[in-house]
PDB file of N, CA and C in Angstrom:
ATOM      1  N   MET A   1      -1.428  -9.293  -2.403  1.00  0.00           N
ATOM      2  CA  MET A   1      -1.138  -9.505  -3.736  1.00  0.00           C
ATOM      3  C   MET A   1      -2.239 -10.226  -4.566  1.00  0.00           C
ATOM      4  N   THR A   2      -2.546  -9.708  -5.755  1.00  0.00           N
ATOM      5  CA  THR A   2      -3.595 -10.161  -6.555  1.00  0.00           C
ATOM      6  C   THR A   2      -2.917 -11.140  -7.665  1.00  0.00           C
ATOM      7  N   SER A   3      -3.834 -12.051  -8.087  1.00  0.00           N
ATOM      8  CA  SER A   3      -3.386 -12.897  -9.128  1.00  0.00           C
ATOM      9  C   SER A   3      -3.461 -12.288 -10.577  1.00  0.00           C
ATOM     10  N   LYS A   4      -2.847 -12.685 -11.503  1.00  0.00           N
ATOM     11  CA  LYS A   4      -2.900 -12.306 -12.903  1.00  0.00           C
ATOM     12  C   LYS A   4      -4.429 -12.207 -13.253  1.00  0.00           C
ATOM     13  N   GLN A   5      -4.896 -13.383 -13.185  1.00  0.00           N
ATOM     14  CA  GLN A   5      -6.277 -13.521 -13.684  1.00  0.00           C
ATOM     15  C   GLN A   5      -7.361 -12.731 -12.905  1.00  0.00           C
ATOM     16  N   ASP A   6      -7.298 -12.517 -11.696  1.00  0.00           N
ATOM     17  CA  ASP A   6      -8.083 -11.484 -10.951  1.00  0.00           C
ATOM     18  C   ASP A   6      -7.900 -10.176 -11.597  1.00  0.00           C
ATOM     19  N   PHE A   7      -6.768  -9.649 -11.799  1.00  0.00           N
ATOM     20  CA  PHE A   7      -6.338  -8.447 -12.408  1.00  0.00           C
ATOM     21  C   PHE A   7      -6.966  -8.258 -13.670  1.00  0.00           C
ATOM     22  N   ILE A   8      -7.048  -9.275 -14.537  1.00  0.00           N
ATOM     23  CA  ILE A   8      -7.428  -9.207 -15.853  1.00  0.00           C
ATOM     24  C   ILE A   8      -9.076  -8.937 -15.730  1.00  0.00           C
ATOM     25  N   ASN A   9      -9.635  -9.829 -14.934  1.00  0.00           N
ATOM     26  CA  ASN A   9     -11.089  -9.779 -14.768  1.00  0.00           C
ATOM     27  C   ASN A   9     -11.535  -8.332 -14.258  1.00  0.00           C
ATOM     28  N   ARG A  10     -10.784  -7.918 -13.360  1.00  0.00           N
ATOM     29  CA  ARG A  10     -11.095  -6.467 -12.776  1.00  0.00           C
ATOM     30  C   ARG A  10     -11.073  -5.463 -13.734  1.00  0.00           C
ATOM     31  N   VAL A  11     -10.012  -5.468 -14.325  1.00  0.00           N
ATOM     32  CA  VAL A  11      -9.693  -4.327 -15.377  1.00  0.00           C
ATOM     33  C   VAL A  11     -10.768  -4.574 -16.465  1.00  0.00           C
ATOM     34  N   ASN A  12     -11.031  -5.778 -16.967  1.00  0.00           N
ATOM     35  CA  ASN A  12     -12.062  -6.040 -18.038  1.00  0.00           C
ATOM     36  C   ASN A  12     -13.382  -5.442 -17.539  1.00  0.00           C
ATOM     37  N   LYS A  13     -13.646  -5.688 -16.330  1.00  0.00           N
ATOM     38  CA  LYS A  13     -15.054  -5.058 -15.698  1.00  0.00           C
ATOM     39  C   LYS A  13     -14.970  -3.512 -15.703  1.00  0.00           C
ATOM     40  N   LEU A  14     -13.839  -2.898 -15.327  1.00  0.00           N
ATOM     41  CA  LEU A  14     -13.867  -1.465 -15.255  1.00  0.00           C
ATOM     42  C   LEU A  14     -13.979  -0.949 -16.746  1.00  0.00           C
ATOM     43  N   ARG A  15     -13.414  -1.658 -17.840  1.00  0.00           N
ATOM     44  CA  ARG A  15     -13.513  -1.410 -19.177  1.00  0.00           C
ATOM     45  C   ARG A  15     -15.047  -1.075 -19.521  1.00  0.00           C
ATOM     46  N   LYS A  16     -15.881  -1.901 -18.999  1.00  0.00           N
ATOM     47  CA  LYS A  16     -17.231  -1.848 -19.539  1.00  0.00           C
ATOM     48  C   LYS A  16     -17.975  -0.658 -18.834  1.00  0.00           C
ATOM     49  N   SER A  17     -17.378   0.175 -17.962  1.00  0.00           N
ATOM     50  CA  SER A  17     -18.072   1.224 -17.380  1.00  0.00           C
ATOM     51  C   SER A  17     -18.412   2.285 -18.366  1.00  0.00           C
ATOM     52  N   GLY A  18     -17.644   2.207 -19.525  1.00  0.00           N
ATOM     53  CA  GLY A  18     -17.738   3.363 -20.298  1.00  0.00           C
ATOM     54  C   GLY A  18     -17.193   4.881 -19.950  1.00  0.00           C
ATOM     55  N   GLU A  19     -16.341   4.802 -18.991  1.00  0.00           N
ATOM     56  CA  GLU A  19     -15.694   5.900 -18.473  1.00  0.00           C
ATOM     57  C   GLU A  19     -14.225   5.705 -18.335  1.00  0.00           C
ATOM     58  N   TRP A  20     -13.417   6.583 -18.087  1.00  0.00           N
ATOM     59  CA  TRP A  20     -12.032   6.463 -17.814  1.00  0.00           C
ATOM     60  C   TRP A  20     -11.971   5.660 -16.465  1.00  0.00           C
ATOM     61  N   TYR A  21     -10.942   4.759 -16.420  1.00  0.00           N
ATOM     62  CA  TYR A  21     -10.740   4.084 -15.107  1.00  0.00           C
ATOM     63  C   TYR A  21      -9.161   4.058 -14.818  1.00  0.00           C
ATOM     64  N   THR A  22      -8.841   3.877 -13.597  1.00  0.00           N
ATOM     65  CA  THR A  22      -7.611   3.636 -13.208  1.00  0.00           C
ATOM     66  C   THR A  22      -7.319   2.391 -12.331  1.00  0.00           C
ATOM     67  N   TYR A  23      -6.088   1.961 -12.187  1.00  0.00           N
ATOM     68  CA  TYR A  23      -5.752   0.804 -11.236  1.00  0.00           C
ATOM     69  C   TYR A  23      -4.506   0.913 -10.887  1.00  0.00           C
ATOM     70  N   GLU A  24      -4.104   0.724  -9.472  1.00  0.00           N
ATOM     71  CA  GLU A  24      -2.783   0.623  -9.036  1.00  0.00           C
ATOM     72  C   GLU A  24      -2.774  -0.557  -8.039  1.00  0.00           C
ATOM     73  N   GLY A  25      -1.884  -1.490  -8.093  1.00  0.00           N
ATOM     74  CA  GLY A  25      -1.666  -2.515  -7.261  1.00  0.00           C
ATOM     75  C   GLY A  25      -0.467  -3.470  -7.524  1.00  0.00           C
ATOM     76  N   ASP A  26      -0.359  -4.414  -6.551  1.00  0.00           N
ATOM     77  CA  ASP A  26       0.702  -5.519  -6.780  1.00  0.00           C
ATOM     78  C   ASP A  26       0.087  -6.624  -7.317  1.00  0.00           C
ATOM     79  N   ILE A  27       0.521  -7.002  -8.569  1.00  0.00           N
ATOM     80  CA  ILE A  27       0.014  -8.166  -9.284  1.00  0.00           C
ATOM     81  C   ILE A  27       1.173  -9.194  -9.449  1.00  0.00           C
ATOM     82  N   GLU A  28       1.042 -10.351  -8.609  1.00  0.00           N
ATOM     83  CA  GLU A  28       2.189 -11.297  -8.737  1.00  0.00           C
ATOM     84  C   GLU A  28       3.653 -10.724  -8.393  1.00  0.00           C
ATOM     85  N   GLY A  29       3.472  -9.787  -7.543  1.00  0.00           N
ATOM     86  CA  GLY A  29       4.921  -9.444  -7.121  1.00  0.00           C
ATOM     87  C   GLY A  29       5.473  -8.256  -7.944  1.00  0.00           C
ATOM     88  N   LYS A  30       4.608  -7.783  -9.030  1.00  0.00           N
ATOM     89  CA  LYS A  30       4.988  -6.556  -9.940  1.00  0.00           C
ATOM     90  C   LYS A  30       4.043  -5.289  -9.510  1.00  0.00           C
ATOM     91  N   ASP A  31       4.663  -4.127  -9.604  1.00  0.00           N
ATOM     92  CA  ASP A  31       4.171  -2.777  -9.211  1.00  0.00           C
ATOM     93  C   ASP A  31       3.224  -2.548 -10.551  1.00  0.00           C
ATOM     94  N   VAL A  32       1.883  -2.361 -10.606  1.00  0.00           N
ATOM     95  CA  VAL A  32       1.091  -2.139 -11.779  1.00  0.00           C
ATOM     96  C   VAL A  32       0.392  -0.849 -11.590  1.00  0.00           C
ATOM     97  N   ARG A  33       0.432  -0.016 -12.591  1.00  0.00           N
ATOM     98  CA  ARG A  33      -0.286   1.147 -12.669  1.00  0.00           C
ATOM     99  C   ARG A  33      -0.938   1.426 -14.162  1.00  0.00           C
ATOM    100  N   LEU A  34      -2.242   1.849 -14.229  1.00  0.00           N
ATOM    101  CA  LEU A  34      -2.786   1.902 -15.511  1.00  0.00           C
ATOM    102  C   LEU A  34      -3.892   2.865 -15.416  1.00  0.00           C
ATOM    103  N   MET A  35      -4.269   3.524 -16.576  1.00  0.00           N
ATOM    104  CA  MET A  35      -5.364   4.444 -16.877  1.00  0.00           C
ATOM    105  C   MET A  35      -5.775   4.176 -18.225  1.00  0.00           C
ATOM    106  N   GLY A  36      -7.130   3.853 -18.354  1.00  0.00           N
ATOM    107  CA  GLY A  36      -7.650   3.360 -19.681  1.00  0.00           C
ATOM    108  C   GLY A  36      -9.059   3.962 -19.918  1.00  0.00           C
ATOM    109  N   TYR A  37      -9.309   3.702 -21.106  1.00  0.00           N
ATOM    110  CA  TYR A  37     -10.826   4.002 -21.499  1.00  0.00           C
ATOM    111  C   TYR A  37     -11.237   3.075 -22.511  1.00  0.00           C
ATOM    112  N   GLY A  38     -12.122   2.323 -22.337  1.00  0.00           N
ATOM    113  CA  GLY A  38     -12.496   1.114 -23.253  1.00  0.00           C
ATOM    114  C   GLY A  38     -11.425   0.176 -23.366  1.00  0.00           C
ATOM    115  N   THR A  39     -10.979  -0.203 -24.321  1.00  0.00           N
ATOM    116  CA  THR A  39      -9.923  -1.034 -24.553  1.00  0.00           C
ATOM    117  C   THR A  39      -8.490  -0.408 -24.861  1.00  0.00           C
ATOM    118  N   TRP A  40      -8.497   0.843 -24.719  1.00  0.00           N
ATOM    119  CA  TRP A  40      -7.347   1.741 -24.762  1.00  0.00           C
ATOM    120  C   TRP A  40      -6.632   1.785 -23.386  1.00  0.00           C
ATOM    121  N   LEU A  41      -5.303   1.317 -23.348  1.00  0.00           N
ATOM    122  CA  LEU A  41      -4.615   1.617 -22.049  1.00  0.00           C
ATOM    123  C   LEU A  41      -3.644   2.612 -22.237  1.00  0.00           C
ATOM    124  N   LYS A  42      -4.130   3.805 -22.002  1.00  0.00           N
ATOM    125  CA  LYS A  42      -3.258   5.032 -22.204  1.00  0.00           C
ATOM    126  C   LYS A  42      -2.104   4.966 -21.361  1.00  0.00           C
ATOM    127  N   ILE A  43      -2.149   4.557 -20.309  1.00  0.00           N
ATOM    128  CA  ILE A  43      -0.948   4.356 -19.226  1.00  0.00           C
ATOM    129  C   ILE A  43      -1.163   2.924 -18.861  1.00  0.00           C
ATOM    130  N   PHE A  44      -0.078   2.059 -18.951  1.00  0.00           N
ATOM    131  CA  PHE A  44      -0.067   0.786 -18.522  1.00  0.00           C
ATOM    132  C   PHE A  44       1.474   0.385 -18.069  1.00  0.00           C
ATOM    133  N   LYS A  45       1.756   0.585 -16.890  1.00  0.00           N
ATOM    134  CA  LYS A  45       3.322   0.382 -16.517  1.00  0.00           C
ATOM    135  C   LYS A  45       3.354  -0.731 -15.577  1.00  0.00           C
ATOM    136  N   VAL A  46       4.241  -1.589 -15.743  1.00  0.00           N
ATOM    137  CA  VAL A  46       4.449  -2.695 -14.835  1.00  0.00           C
ATOM    138  C   VAL A  46       5.999  -2.645 -14.426  1.00  0.00           C
ATOM    139  N   ASP A  47       6.362  -2.526 -13.235  1.00  0.00           N
ATOM    140  CA  ASP A  47       7.634  -2.218 -12.798  1.00  0.00           C
ATOM    141  C   ASP A  47       8.357  -1.141 -13.583  1.00  0.00           C
ATOM    142  N   ASP A  48       7.662  -0.219 -13.881  1.00  0.00           N
ATOM    143  CA  ASP A  48       8.109   1.119 -14.659  1.00  0.00           C
ATOM    144  C   ASP A  48       8.466   0.679 -16.006  1.00  0.00           C
ATOM    145  N   VAL A  49       8.010  -0.218 -16.664  1.00  0.00           N
ATOM    146  CA  VAL A  49       7.998  -0.479 -18.033  1.00  0.00           C
ATOM    147  C   VAL A  49       6.684  -0.362 -18.759  1.00  0.00           C
ATOM    148  N   ASP A  50       6.835   0.390 -19.763  1.00  0.00           N
ATOM    149  CA  ASP A  50       5.519   0.874 -20.457  1.00  0.00           C
ATOM    150  C   ASP A  50       5.084  -0.158 -21.330  1.00  0.00           C
ATOM    151  N   TYR A  51       3.632  -0.566 -21.271  1.00  0.00           N
ATOM    152  CA  TYR A  51       2.974  -1.615 -21.956  1.00  0.00           C
ATOM    153  C   TYR A  51       1.693  -1.025 -22.618  1.00  0.00           C
ATOM    154  N   SER A  52       1.617   0.332 -22.793  1.00  0.00           N
ATOM    155  CA  SER A  52       0.365   0.960 -23.239  1.00  0.00           C
ATOM    156  C   SER A  52       0.124   0.329 -24.750  1.00  0.00           C
ATOM    157  N   ASN A  53      -1.150   0.542 -25.022  1.00  0.00           N
ATOM    158  CA  ASN A  53      -1.624  -0.099 -26.411  1.00  0.00           C
ATOM    159  C   ASN A  53      -2.225   0.909 -27.261  1.00  0.00           C
ATOM    160  N   CYS A  54      -2.633   0.426 -28.405  1.00  0.00           N
ATOM    161  CA  CYS A  54      -3.310   1.361 -29.468  1.00  0.00           C
ATOM    162  C   CYS A  54      -4.871   1.417 -28.946  1.00  0.00           C
ATOM    163  N   MET A  55      -5.466   2.527 -29.612  1.00  0.00           N
ATOM    164  CA  MET A  55      -6.673   2.652 -29.220  1.00  0.00           C
ATOM    165  C   MET A  55      -7.714   1.826 -30.213  1.00  0.00           C
ATOM    166  N   GLU A  56      -8.902   1.478 -29.660  1.00  0.00           N
ATOM    167  CA  GLU A  56      -9.903   0.672 -30.183  1.00  0.00           C
ATOM    168  C   GLU A  56      -9.355  -0.709 -30.693  1.00  0.00           C
ATOM    169  N   CYS A  57      -8.703  -1.410 -29.907  1.00  0.00           N
ATOM    170  CA  CYS A  57      -8.441  -2.769 -30.299  1.00  0.00           C
ATOM    171  C   CYS A  57      -9.504  -3.766 -29.846  1.00  0.00           C
ATOM    172  N   LYS A  58      -9.571  -4.866 -30.212  1.00  0.00           N
ATOM    173  CA  LYS A  58     -10.515  -5.947 -29.986  1.00  0.00           C
ATOM    174  C   LYS A  58     -10.301  -6.306 -28.413  1.00  0.00           C
ATOM    175  N   VAL A  59     -11.411  -6.795 -28.019  1.00  0.00           N
ATOM    176  CA  VAL A  59     -11.337  -7.013 -26.543  1.00  0.00           C
ATOM    177  C   VAL A  59     -10.360  -8.297 -26.294  1.00  0.00           C
ATOM    178  N   SER A  60     -10.422  -9.231 -27.159  1.00  0.00           N
ATOM    179  CA  SER A  60      -9.401 -10.309 -27.113  1.00  0.00           C
ATOM    180  C   SER A  60      -7.914  -9.715 -27.010  1.00  0.00           C
ATOM    181  N   GLU A  61      -7.667  -8.903 -27.937  1.00  0.00           N
ATOM    182  CA  GLU A  61      -6.210  -8.224 -27.921  1.00  0.00           C
ATOM    183  C   GLU A  61      -6.009  -7.423 -26.701  1.00  0.00           C
ATOM    184  N   PHE A  62      -7.118  -6.855 -26.063  1.00  0.00           N
ATOM    185  CA  PHE A  62      -7.068  -6.100 -24.816  1.00  0.00           C
ATOM    186  C   PHE A  62      -6.654  -6.999 -23.826  1.00  0.00           C
ATOM    187  N   LYS A  63      -7.200  -8.124 -23.801  1.00  0.00           N
ATOM    188  CA  LYS A  63      -6.923  -9.145 -22.629  1.00  0.00           C
ATOM    189  C   LYS A  63      -5.610  -9.593 -22.787  1.00  0.00           C
ATOM    190  N   LYS A  64      -5.118  -9.777 -23.941  1.00  0.00           N
ATOM    191  CA  LYS A  64      -3.615 -10.261 -24.316  1.00  0.00           C
ATOM    192  C   LYS A  64      -2.694  -9.271 -23.668  1.00  0.00           C
ATOM    193  N   ASP A  65      -3.022  -7.883 -24.116  1.00  0.00           N
ATOM    194  CA  ASP A  65      -2.174  -6.904 -23.683  1.00  0.00           C
ATOM    195  C   ASP A  65      -1.980  -6.887 -22.180  1.00  0.00           C
ATOM    196  N   LEU A  66      -2.951  -7.079 -21.455  1.00  0.00           N
ATOM    197  CA  LEU A  66      -3.199  -7.057 -19.977  1.00  0.00           C
ATOM    198  C   LEU A  66      -2.147  -8.244 -19.325  1.00  0.00           C
ATOM    199  N   GLU A  67      -2.217  -9.174 -20.047  1.00  0.00           N
ATOM    200  CA  GLU A  67      -1.412 -10.399 -19.728  1.00  0.00           C
ATOM    201  C   GLU A  67       0.018 -10.541 -19.961  1.00  0.00           C
ATOM    202  N   THR A  68       0.394  -9.747 -21.114  1.00  0.00           N
ATOM    203  CA  THR A  68       1.785  -9.697 -21.686  1.00  0.00           C
ATOM    204  C   THR A  68       2.938  -9.544 -20.635  1.00  0.00           C
ATOM    205  N   PRO A  69       2.758  -8.478 -19.704  1.00  0.00           N
ATOM    206  CA  PRO A  69       3.900  -8.197 -18.631  1.00  0.00           C
ATOM    207  C   PRO A  69       4.223  -9.477 -17.709  1.00  0.00           C
ATOM    208  N   PHE A  70       3.111 -10.340 -17.718  1.00  0.00           N
ATOM    209  CA  PHE A  70       3.363 -11.341 -16.640  1.00  0.00           C
ATOM    210  C   PHE A  70       3.902 -12.710 -17.330  1.00  0.00           C
ATOM    211  N   LYS A  71       4.117 -12.753 -18.632  1.00  0.00           N
ATOM    212  CA  LYS A  71       4.644 -13.878 -19.102  1.00  0.00           C
ATOM    213  C   LYS A  71       6.107 -14.208 -18.831  1.00  0.00           C
TER     214      LYS A  71
END
């Protein structure tokens, strides 16, 4: 199991690649799947609830979006 902060750091690092990225794993007991490009989370599901976001948001908003399902 990965912590919420480790997850956010890992996905933020993937974001910087400039390519499509994916992630699947257990974050603090929740099943997480995502596919994104830059700050756009085209698919972001946590325990089958959709948390996808809009395209081209600020990095600060992107990080908040990643944290939202774990509050």
